[in-house]
Amino acid sequence: MKTEKTAAERREELATLLFCQSYLYYHDMLSSAESKRVCKRISAFQDKHRIAITREQIDSVEIKSVEIKYDDEP
């Protein structure tokens, strides 16, 4: 059985979603129209879970390096 996420986990998830949407738009991976659609979906997620978040919480998101291994000749 799945446990309900805490308010802090929901805020972290929302901040990450907003960061990722901004990152993809900034790097031309999303068009303006696509970005607006993503924003609407993120907003719906925020409304559904009644999440209040500050600019500081959004700005606190960090992407940490993940080790990815690749062998072109396995």
PDB file of N, CA and C in Angstrom:
ATOM      1  N   MET A   1       0.833  -1.186   0.000  1.00  0.00           N
ATOM      2  CA  MET A   1       0.000   0.000   0.000  1.00  0.00           C
ATOM      3  C   MET A   1       0.877   1.249   0.000  1.00  0.00           C
ATOM      4  N   LYS A   2       0.527   2.187  -0.834  1.00  0.00           N
ATOM      5  CA  LYS A   2       1.279   3.425  -0.968  1.00  0.00           C
ATOM      6  C   LYS A   2       0.931   4.381   0.176  1.00  0.00           C
ATOM      7  N   THR A   3       1.947   5.010   0.740  1.00  0.00           N
ATOM      8  CA  THR A   3       1.682   6.003   1.779  1.00  0.00           C
ATOM      9  C   THR A   3       1.575   7.380   1.142  1.00  0.00           C
ATOM     10  N   GLU A   4       0.743   8.212   1.729  1.00  0.00           N
ATOM     11  CA  GLU A   4       0.570   9.577   1.225  1.00  0.00           C
ATOM     12  C   GLU A   4       1.837  10.384   1.464  1.00  0.00           C
ATOM     13  N   LYS A   5       2.192  11.206   0.484  1.00  0.00           N
ATOM     14  CA  LYS A   5       3.386  12.037   0.611  1.00  0.00           C
ATOM     15  C   LYS A   5       3.137  13.145   1.628  1.00  0.00           C
ATOM     16  N   THR A   6       4.201  13.551   2.301  1.00  0.00           N
ATOM     17  CA  THR A   6       4.104  14.644   3.256  1.00  0.00           C
ATOM     18  C   THR A   6       4.037  15.971   2.511  1.00  0.00           C
ATOM     19  N   ALA A   7       3.651  17.024   3.226  1.00  0.00           N
ATOM     20  CA  ALA A   7       3.592  18.358   2.627  1.00  0.00           C
ATOM     21  C   ALA A   7       4.962  18.779   2.110  1.00  0.00           C
ATOM     22  N   ALA A   8       6.006  18.471   2.862  1.00  0.00           N
ATOM     23  CA  ALA A   8       7.367  18.825   2.438  1.00  0.00           C
ATOM     24  C   ALA A   8       7.750  18.081   1.161  1.00  0.00           C
ATOM     25  N   GLU A   9       7.363  16.816   1.058  1.00  0.00           N
ATOM     26  CA  GLU A   9       7.661  16.041  -0.158  1.00  0.00           C
ATOM     27  C   GLU A   9       6.914  16.613  -1.354  1.00  0.00           C
ATOM     28  N   ARG A  10       5.675  17.035  -1.149  1.00  0.00           N
ATOM     29  CA  ARG A  10       4.901  17.641  -2.235  1.00  0.00           C
ATOM     30  C   ARG A  10       5.521  18.976  -2.670  1.00  0.00           C
ATOM     31  N   ARG A  11       5.974  19.782  -1.701  1.00  0.00           N
ATOM     32  CA  ARG A  11       6.631  21.055  -2.056  1.00  0.00           C
ATOM     33  C   ARG A  11       7.912  20.793  -2.837  1.00  0.00           C
ATOM     34  N   GLU A  12       8.681  19.791  -2.416  1.00  0.00           N
ATOM     35  CA  GLU A  12       9.919  19.440  -3.135  1.00  0.00           C
ATOM     36  C   GLU A  12       9.602  18.991  -4.555  1.00  0.00           C
ATOM     37  N   GLU A  13       8.558  18.191  -4.692  1.00  0.00           N
ATOM     38  CA  GLU A  13       8.156  17.704  -6.015  1.00  0.00           C
ATOM     39  C   GLU A  13       7.730  18.877  -6.908  1.00  0.00           C
ATOM     40  N   LEU A  14       6.948  19.787  -6.355  1.00  0.00           N
ATOM     41  CA  LEU A  14       6.504  20.957  -7.122  1.00  0.00           C
ATOM     42  C   LEU A  14       7.689  21.822  -7.527  1.00  0.00           C
ATOM     43  N   ALA A  15       8.591  22.085  -6.606  1.00  0.00           N
ATOM     44  CA  ALA A  15       9.775  22.903  -6.915  1.00  0.00           C
ATOM     45  C   ALA A  15      10.601  22.250  -8.019  1.00  0.00           C
ATOM     46  N   THR A  16      10.734  20.935  -7.967  1.00  0.00           N
ATOM     47  CA  THR A  16      11.497  20.208  -8.992  1.00  0.00           C
ATOM     48  C   THR A  16      10.802  20.295 -10.347  1.00  0.00           C
ATOM     49  N   LEU A  17       9.479  20.144 -10.361  1.00  0.00           N
ATOM     50  CA  LEU A  17       8.731  20.260 -11.613  1.00  0.00           C
ATOM     51  C   LEU A  17       8.913  21.636 -12.236  1.00  0.00           C
ATOM     52  N   LEU A  18       8.807  22.670 -11.428  1.00  0.00           N
ATOM     53  CA  LEU A  18       8.971  24.033 -11.934  1.00  0.00           C
ATOM     54  C   LEU A  18      10.386  24.280 -12.440  1.00  0.00           C
ATOM     55  N   PHE A  19      11.368  23.765 -11.707  1.00  0.00           N
ATOM     56  CA  PHE A  19      12.760  23.909 -12.130  1.00  0.00           C
ATOM     57  C   PHE A  19      12.976  23.221 -13.476  1.00  0.00           C
ATOM     58  N   CYS A  20      12.487  22.001 -13.599  1.00  0.00           N
ATOM     59  CA  CYS A  20      12.686  21.237 -14.840  1.00  0.00           C
ATOM     60  C   CYS A  20      11.995  21.898 -16.032  1.00  0.00           C
ATOM     61  N   GLN A  21      10.795  22.404 -15.816  1.00  0.00           N
ATOM     62  CA  GLN A  21      10.089  23.094 -16.896  1.00  0.00           C
ATOM     63  C   GLN A  21      10.893  24.305 -17.343  1.00  0.00           C
ATOM     64  N   SER A  22      11.382  25.077 -16.406  1.00  0.00           N
ATOM     65  CA  SER A  22      12.179  26.265 -16.741  1.00  0.00           C
ATOM     66  C   SER A  22      13.468  25.880 -17.458  1.00  0.00           C
ATOM     67  N   TYR A  23      14.126  24.857 -16.976  1.00  0.00           N
ATOM     68  CA  TYR A  23      15.380  24.391 -17.568  1.00  0.00           C
ATOM     69  C   TYR A  23      15.163  23.966 -19.024  1.00  0.00           C
ATOM     70  N   LEU A  24      14.126  23.181 -19.258  1.00  0.00           N
ATOM     71  CA  LEU A  24      13.849  22.706 -20.618  1.00  0.00           C
ATOM     72  C   LEU A  24      13.490  23.861 -21.549  1.00  0.00           C
ATOM     73  N   TYR A  25      12.718  24.817 -21.069  1.00  0.00           N
ATOM     74  CA  TYR A  25      12.356  25.969 -21.891  1.00  0.00           C
ATOM     75  C   TYR A  25      13.592  26.824 -22.187  1.00  0.00           C
ATOM     76  N   TYR A  26      14.389  27.072 -21.181  1.00  0.00           N
ATOM     77  CA  TYR A  26      15.594  27.897 -21.342  1.00  0.00           C
ATOM     78  C   TYR A  26      16.551  27.295 -22.369  1.00  0.00           C
ATOM     79  N   HIS A  27      16.626  25.971 -22.407  1.00  0.00           N
ATOM     80  CA  HIS A  27      17.535  25.283 -23.334  1.00  0.00           C
ATOM     81  C   HIS A  27      16.850  24.884 -24.644  1.00  0.00           C
ATOM     82  N   ASP A  28      15.748  25.555 -24.949  1.00  0.00           N
ATOM     83  CA  ASP A  28      15.008  25.368 -26.207  1.00  0.00           C
ATOM     84  C   ASP A  28      14.559  23.929 -26.444  1.00  0.00           C
ATOM     85  N   MET A  29      14.264  23.215 -25.378  1.00  0.00           N
ATOM     86  CA  MET A  29      13.737  21.857 -25.509  1.00  0.00           C
ATOM     87  C   MET A  29      12.204  21.878 -25.519  1.00  0.00           C
ATOM     88  N   LEU A  30      11.622  22.995 -25.063  1.00  0.00           N
ATOM     89  CA  LEU A  30      10.181  23.199 -25.098  1.00  0.00           C
ATOM     90  C   LEU A  30       9.906  24.507 -25.834  1.00  0.00           C
ATOM     91  N   SER A  31       8.915  24.482 -26.697  1.00  0.00           N
ATOM     92  CA  SER A  31       8.485  25.725 -27.338  1.00  0.00           C
ATOM     93  C   SER A  31       7.676  26.523 -26.319  1.00  0.00           C
ATOM     94  N   SER A  32       7.348  27.734 -26.678  1.00  0.00           N
ATOM     95  CA  SER A  32       6.547  28.572 -25.788  1.00  0.00           C
ATOM     96  C   SER A  32       5.188  27.920 -25.512  1.00  0.00           C
ATOM     97  N   ALA A  33       4.564  27.393 -26.545  1.00  0.00           N
ATOM     98  CA  ALA A  33       3.258  26.741 -26.390  1.00  0.00           C
ATOM     99  C   ALA A  33       3.367  25.499 -25.510  1.00  0.00           C
ATOM    100  N   GLU A  34       4.410  24.703 -25.731  1.00  0.00           N
ATOM    101  CA  GLU A  34       4.614  23.505 -24.906  1.00  0.00           C
ATOM    102  C   GLU A  34       4.862  23.889 -23.454  1.00  0.00           C
ATOM    103  N   SER A  35       5.649  24.920 -23.263  1.00  0.00           N
ATOM    104  CA  SER A  35       5.956  25.390 -21.915  1.00  0.00           C
ATOM    105  C   SER A  35       4.690  25.829 -21.189  1.00  0.00           C
ATOM    106  N   LYS A  36       3.802  26.518 -21.899  1.00  0.00           N
ATOM    107  CA  LYS A  36       2.537  26.949 -21.301  1.00  0.00           C
ATOM    108  C   LYS A  36       1.675  25.754 -20.917  1.00  0.00           C
ATOM    109  N   ARG A  37       1.650  24.715 -21.775  1.00  0.00           N
ATOM    110  CA  ARG A  37       0.879  23.508 -21.457  1.00  0.00           C
ATOM    111  C   ARG A  37       1.441  22.819 -20.223  1.00  0.00           C
ATOM    112  N   VAL A  38       2.776  22.732 -20.140  1.00  0.00           N
ATOM    113  CA  VAL A  38       3.417  22.121 -18.978  1.00  0.00           C
ATOM    114  C   VAL A  38       3.093  22.936 -17.724  1.00  0.00           C
ATOM    115  N   CYS A  39       3.153  24.258 -17.831  1.00  0.00           N
ATOM    116  CA  CYS A  39       2.837  25.127 -16.687  1.00  0.00           C
ATOM    117  C   CYS A  39       1.409  24.892 -16.201  1.00  0.00           C
ATOM    118  N   LYS A  40       0.476  24.733 -17.144  1.00  0.00           N
ATOM    119  CA  LYS A  40      -0.914  24.463 -16.765  1.00  0.00           C
ATOM    120  C   LYS A  40      -1.032  23.146 -16.009  1.00  0.00           C
ATOM    121  N   ARG A  41      -0.308  22.134 -16.453  1.00  0.00           N
ATOM    122  CA  ARG A  41      -0.355  20.832 -15.777  1.00  0.00           C
ATOM    123  C   ARG A  41       0.281  20.914 -14.394  1.00  0.00           C
ATOM    124  N   ILE A  42       1.372  21.655 -14.294  1.00  0.00           N
ATOM    125  CA  ILE A  42       2.022  21.831 -12.989  1.00  0.00           C
ATOM    126  C   ILE A  42       1.089  22.608 -12.059  1.00  0.00           C
ATOM    127  N   SER A  43       0.426  23.620 -12.587  1.00  0.00           N
ATOM    128  CA  SER A  43      -0.517  24.402 -11.801  1.00  0.00           C
ATOM    129  C   SER A  43      -1.683  23.529 -11.315  1.00  0.00           C
ATOM    130  N   ALA A  44      -2.160  22.647 -12.169  1.00  0.00           N
ATOM    131  CA  ALA A  44      -3.238  21.725 -11.786  1.00  0.00           C
ATOM    132  C   ALA A  44      -2.770  20.797 -10.664  1.00  0.00           C
ATOM    133  N   PHE A  45      -1.523  20.317 -10.761  1.00  0.00           N
ATOM    134  CA  PHE A  45      -0.933  19.479  -9.717  1.00  0.00           C
ATOM    135  C   PHE A  45      -0.882  20.266  -8.404  1.00  0.00           C
ATOM    136  N   GLN A  46      -0.451  21.517  -8.487  1.00  0.00           N
ATOM    137  CA  GLN A  46      -0.349  22.368  -7.305  1.00  0.00           C
ATOM    138  C   GLN A  46      -1.733  22.587  -6.678  1.00  0.00           C
ATOM    139  N   ASP A  47      -2.719  22.865  -7.510  1.00  0.00           N
ATOM    140  CA  ASP A  47      -4.077  23.084  -7.016  1.00  0.00           C
ATOM    141  C   ASP A  47      -4.668  21.807  -6.409  1.00  0.00           C
ATOM    142  N   LYS A  48      -4.463  20.693  -7.085  1.00  0.00           N
ATOM    143  CA  LYS A  48      -5.003  19.414  -6.615  1.00  0.00           C
ATOM    144  C   LYS A  48      -4.498  19.080  -5.214  1.00  0.00           C
ATOM    145  N   HIS A  49      -3.222  19.330  -4.987  1.00  0.00           N
ATOM    146  CA  HIS A  49      -2.618  18.976  -3.704  1.00  0.00           C
ATOM    147  C   HIS A  49      -2.534  20.165  -2.737  1.00  0.00           C
ATOM    148  N   ARG A  50      -3.072  21.315  -3.167  1.00  0.00           N
ATOM    149  CA  ARG A  50      -3.110  22.525  -2.328  1.00  0.00           C
ATOM    150  C   ARG A  50      -1.730  22.863  -1.771  1.00  0.00           C
ATOM    151  N   ILE A  51      -0.787  23.025  -2.680  1.00  0.00           N
ATOM    152  CA  ILE A  51       0.605  23.278  -2.303  1.00  0.00           C
ATOM    153  C   ILE A  51       0.896  24.765  -2.389  1.00  0.00           C
ATOM    154  N   ALA A  52       1.398  25.314  -1.291  1.00  0.00           N
ATOM    155  CA  ALA A  52       1.890  26.694  -1.274  1.00  0.00           C
ATOM    156  C   ALA A  52       3.411  26.615  -1.209  1.00  0.00           C
ATOM    157  N   ILE A  53       4.060  27.412  -2.046  1.00  0.00           N
ATOM    158  CA  ILE A  53       5.523  27.344  -2.135  1.00  0.00           C
ATOM    159  C   ILE A  53       6.076  28.748  -2.341  1.00  0.00           C
ATOM    160  N   THR A  54       7.239  29.007  -1.787  1.00  0.00           N
ATOM    161  CA  THR A  54       7.867  30.324  -1.923  1.00  0.00           C
ATOM    162  C   THR A  54       8.896  30.308  -3.052  1.00  0.00           C
ATOM    163  N   ARG A  55       9.265  31.492  -3.508  1.00  0.00           N
ATOM    164  CA  ARG A  55      10.311  31.631  -4.530  1.00  0.00           C
ATOM    165  C   ARG A  55      11.610  31.019  -4.022  1.00  0.00           C
ATOM    166  N   GLU A  56      11.909  31.225  -2.746  1.00  0.00           N
ATOM    167  CA  GLU A  56      13.145  30.679  -2.163  1.00  0.00           C
ATOM    168  C   GLU A  56      13.152  29.150  -2.218  1.00  0.00           C
ATOM    169  N   GLN A  57      11.988  28.539  -1.977  1.00  0.00           N
ATOM    170  CA  GLN A  57      11.912  27.079  -2.059  1.00  0.00           C
ATOM    171  C   GLN A  57      12.125  26.607  -3.491  1.00  0.00           C
ATOM    172  N   ILE A  58      11.556  27.314  -4.445  1.00  0.00           N
ATOM    173  CA  ILE A  58      11.750  26.950  -5.854  1.00  0.00           C
ATOM    174  C   ILE A  58      13.218  27.107  -6.236  1.00  0.00           C
ATOM    175  N   ASP A  59      13.828  28.210  -5.814  1.00  0.00           N
ATOM    176  CA  ASP A  59      15.222  28.478  -6.153  1.00  0.00           C
ATOM    177  C   ASP A  59      16.201  27.546  -5.446  1.00  0.00           C
ATOM    178  N   SER A  60      15.722  26.786  -4.463  1.00  0.00           N
ATOM    179  CA  SER A  60      16.625  25.905  -3.721  1.00  0.00           C
ATOM    180  C   SER A  60      16.903  24.584  -4.447  1.00  0.00           C
ATOM    181  N   VAL A  61      16.202  24.323  -5.546  1.00  0.00           N
ATOM    182  CA  VAL A  61      16.397  23.067  -6.281  1.00  0.00           C
ATOM    183  C   VAL A  61      17.790  23.040  -6.883  1.00  0.00           C
ATOM    184  N   GLU A  62      18.474  21.917  -6.713  1.00  0.00           N
ATOM    185  CA  GLU A  62      19.810  21.721  -7.285  1.00  0.00           C
ATOM    186  C   GLU A  62      19.833  20.413  -8.061  1.00  0.00           C
ATOM    187  N   ILE A  63      20.528  20.428  -9.158  1.00  0.00           N
ATOM    188  CA  ILE A  63      20.766  19.213  -9.916  1.00  0.00           C
ATOM    189  C   ILE A  63      22.140  18.707  -9.504  1.00  0.00           C
ATOM    190  N   LYS A  64      22.161  17.519  -8.956  1.00  0.00           N
ATOM    191  CA  LYS A  64      23.439  16.946  -8.547  1.00  0.00           C
ATOM    192  C   LYS A  64      23.875  15.931  -9.590  1.00  0.00           C
ATOM    193  N   SER A  65      25.136  15.875  -9.770  1.00  0.00           N
ATOM    194  CA  SER A  65      25.709  14.974 -10.757  1.00  0.00           C
ATOM    195  C   SER A  65      25.372  13.520 -10.434  1.00  0.00           C
ATOM    196  N   VAL A  66      24.929  12.814 -11.440  1.00  0.00           N
ATOM    197  CA  VAL A  66      24.634  11.399 -11.306  1.00  0.00           C
ATOM    198  C   VAL A  66      25.630  10.653 -12.180  1.00  0.00           C
ATOM    199  N   GLU A  67      26.248   9.665 -11.599  1.00  0.00           N
ATOM    200  CA  GLU A  67      27.231   8.904 -12.370  1.00  0.00           C
ATOM    201  C   GLU A  67      26.501   7.994 -13.351  1.00  0.00           C
ATOM    202  N   ILE A  68      26.803   8.173 -14.622  1.00  0.00           N
ATOM    203  CA  ILE A  68      26.230   7.354 -15.680  1.00  0.00           C
ATOM    204  C   ILE A  68      27.374   6.652 -16.394  1.00  0.00           C
ATOM    205  N   LYS A  69      27.276   5.366 -16.483  1.00  0.00           N
ATOM    206  CA  LYS A  69      28.327   4.600 -17.156  1.00  0.00           C
ATOM    207  C   LYS A  69      27.819   4.144 -18.508  1.00  0.00           C
ATOM    208  N   TYR A  70      28.685   4.251 -19.474  1.00  0.00           N
ATOM    209  CA  TYR A  70      28.351   3.848 -20.832  1.00  0.00           C
ATOM    210  C   TYR A  70      29.575   3.207 -21.462  1.00  0.00           C
ATOM    211  N   ASP A  71      29.345   2.071 -22.078  1.00  0.00           N
ATOM    212  CA  ASP A  71      30.435   1.374 -22.768  1.00  0.00           C
ATOM    213  C   ASP A  71      29.986   1.152 -24.205  1.00  0.00           C
ATOM    214  N   ASP A  72      30.626   1.846 -25.144  1.00  0.00           N
ATOM    215  CA  ASP A  72      30.249   1.742 -26.538  1.00  0.00           C
ATOM    216  C   ASP A  72      30.596   0.387 -27.147  1.00  0.00           C
ATOM    217  N   GLU A  73      31.523  -0.301 -26.510  1.00  0.00           N
ATOM    218  CA  GLU A  73      31.936  -1.612 -27.010  1.00  0.00           C
ATOM    219  C   GLU A  73      31.856  -2.635 -25.862  1.00  0.00           C
ATOM    220  N   PRO A  74      30.640  -3.057 -25.531  1.00  0.00           N
ATOM    221  CA  PRO A  74      30.490  -3.981 -24.385  1.00  0.00           C
ATOM    222  C   PRO A  74      31.148  -5.327 -24.576  1.00  0.00           C
TER     223      PRO A  74
END
